[in-house]
């Protein structure tokens, strides 16, 4: 799978959160100020539908969009790429990075260790 652009990821995040949305709803949830033009986002959404990442239901002349590409599926393809590109293909380096950044507490690390020892995947 090709990595999505930042804007495509933003749109998918919105659709993952809302489950379905019209273009106007997507624009409303974008963090930009000023908001992008309706036609710009509409074009992006149509292209994402052509790529098979999102689907739509027609309501008269309007379309309500929903994610086809699920968050977990995207995560499974992108996280290994991030680990390869930024952490020398080492999960240990990634965990170490987050621990050093104070994003993981000692309790978090113990919980991760317990999950690994139990063979759980979360």
Protein backbone atom coordinates (compact mmCIF):
# COMPACT_ATOMS: atom_id res chain seq x y z
CA UNK A 1 0.00 0.00 0.00
CA UNK A 2 1.13 3.50 -0.80
CA UNK A 3 1.52 5.90 2.08
CA UNK A 4 -1.30 8.37 2.20
CA UNK A 5 -0.55 12.08 2.03
CA UNK A 6 -1.00 14.11 5.20
CA UNK A 7 -4.33 15.45 3.94
CA UNK A 8 -5.54 11.95 2.97
CA UNK A 9 -4.63 10.74 6.47
CA UNK A 10 -6.54 13.67 7.99
CA UNK A 11 -9.60 12.82 5.91
CA UNK A 12 -9.42 9.15 6.82
CA UNK A 13 -8.97 10.00 10.51
CA UNK A 14 -12.16 12.04 10.33
CA UNK A 15 -14.02 9.22 8.59
CA UNK A 16 -12.69 6.68 11.11
CA UNK A 17 -13.97 8.92 13.91
CA UNK A 18 -17.33 9.77 12.34
CA UNK A 19 -17.90 6.46 10.48
CA UNK A 20 -19.46 8.40 7.58
CA UNK A 21 -19.63 12.03 6.52
CA UNK A 22 -20.52 14.43 3.75
CA UNK A 23 -17.72 16.60 2.34
CA UNK A 24 -19.02 19.57 4.36
CA UNK A 25 -18.69 17.47 7.55
CA UNK A 26 -15.13 16.52 6.65
CA UNK A 27 -14.23 20.17 6.07
CA UNK A 28 -15.81 21.15 9.38
CA UNK A 29 -13.55 18.68 11.23
CA UNK A 30 -10.31 19.66 9.46
CA UNK A 31 -7.93 21.61 11.73
CA UNK A 32 -7.17 24.24 9.06
CA UNK A 33 -8.05 27.88 9.52
CA UNK A 34 -9.14 29.11 7.09
CA UNK A 35 -10.84 25.93 5.94
CA UNK A 36 -9.92 24.56 2.51
CA UNK A 37 -12.33 25.15 -0.36
CA UNK A 38 -15.17 22.65 -0.74
CA UNK A 39 -14.08 21.68 -4.29
CA UNK A 40 -10.54 20.90 -3.12
CA UNK A 41 -11.70 18.42 -0.49
CA UNK A 42 -14.42 17.05 -2.76
CA UNK A 43 -11.80 16.27 -5.42
CA UNK A 44 -9.51 14.61 -2.87
CA UNK A 45 -12.35 12.50 -1.50
CA UNK A 46 -13.36 11.37 -5.01
CA UNK A 47 -9.74 10.40 -5.76
CA UNK A 48 -9.54 8.46 -2.49
CA UNK A 49 -12.73 6.64 -3.49
CA UNK A 50 -11.19 5.79 -6.88
CA UNK A 51 -8.18 4.33 -5.04
CA UNK A 52 -10.54 2.14 -3.00
CA UNK A 53 -9.76 3.70 0.37
CA UNK A 54 -13.23 5.11 0.93
CA UNK A 55 -16.70 4.37 -0.39
CA UNK A 56 -19.84 6.43 -0.74
CA UNK A 57 -23.61 6.32 -0.67
CA UNK A 58 -25.52 8.63 -2.99
CA UNK A 59 -28.18 10.92 -1.53
CA UNK A 60 -29.63 12.83 -4.46
CA UNK A 61 -26.80 14.91 -5.89
CA UNK A 62 -24.71 14.50 -2.77
CA UNK A 63 -22.52 11.68 -1.45
CA UNK A 64 -21.90 10.46 2.08
CA UNK A 65 -18.44 8.90 2.41
CA UNK A 66 -17.26 6.09 4.67
CA UNK A 67 -13.89 4.39 5.18
CA UNK A 68 -13.14 1.16 3.37
CA UNK A 69 -9.52 1.15 4.48
CA UNK A 70 -9.74 0.37 8.17
CA UNK A 71 -7.48 2.04 10.71
CA UNK A 72 -5.98 -1.23 11.92
CA UNK A 73 -5.19 -2.31 8.35
CA UNK A 74 -3.44 0.99 7.64
CA UNK A 75 -1.58 0.82 10.94
CA UNK A 76 -0.29 -2.68 10.13
CA UNK A 77 1.27 -1.42 6.92
CA UNK A 78 2.56 1.95 8.14
CA UNK A 79 4.01 1.21 11.58
CA UNK A 80 6.61 -1.26 10.23
CA UNK A 81 7.62 1.35 7.64
CA UNK A 82 8.05 4.00 10.35
CA UNK A 83 10.11 1.56 12.42
CA UNK A 84 12.24 0.74 9.39
CA UNK A 85 12.73 4.36 8.32
CA UNK A 86 13.18 6.04 11.72
CA UNK A 87 14.27 3.35 14.20
CA UNK A 88 16.75 1.25 12.17
CA UNK A 89 14.14 -1.50 11.81
CA UNK A 90 14.22 -2.06 15.57
CA UNK A 91 11.14 -2.16 17.79
CA UNK A 92 13.52 -1.94 20.74
CA UNK A 93 14.85 1.38 19.43
CA UNK A 94 11.28 2.62 19.03
CA UNK A 95 10.25 1.69 22.57
CA UNK A 96 13.49 3.17 23.90
CA UNK A 97 12.79 6.41 22.05
CA UNK A 98 9.32 6.75 23.59
CA UNK A 99 10.61 5.82 27.04
CA UNK A 100 13.31 8.52 26.79
CA UNK A 101 10.75 11.08 25.65
CA UNK A 102 8.73 10.42 28.81
CA UNK A 103 5.85 9.14 26.70
CA UNK A 104 6.01 5.77 28.46
CA UNK A 105 6.03 5.36 32.20
CA UNK A 106 7.69 2.48 34.03
CA UNK A 107 4.18 1.06 34.57
CA UNK A 108 3.52 1.27 30.83
CA UNK A 109 6.76 -0.58 30.12
CA UNK A 110 5.89 -3.29 32.69
CA UNK A 111 2.46 -3.67 31.09
CA UNK A 112 4.03 -4.01 27.64
CA UNK A 113 6.44 -6.62 28.99
CA UNK A 114 3.54 -8.55 30.53
CA UNK A 115 1.66 -8.44 27.22
CA UNK A 116 4.72 -9.78 25.39
CA UNK A 117 5.25 -12.54 27.95
CA UNK A 118 1.59 -13.57 27.71
CA UNK A 119 1.73 -13.48 23.93
CA UNK A 120 -1.00 -10.85 23.74
CA UNK A 121 -1.15 -8.48 20.80
CA UNK A 122 -2.71 -5.08 21.37
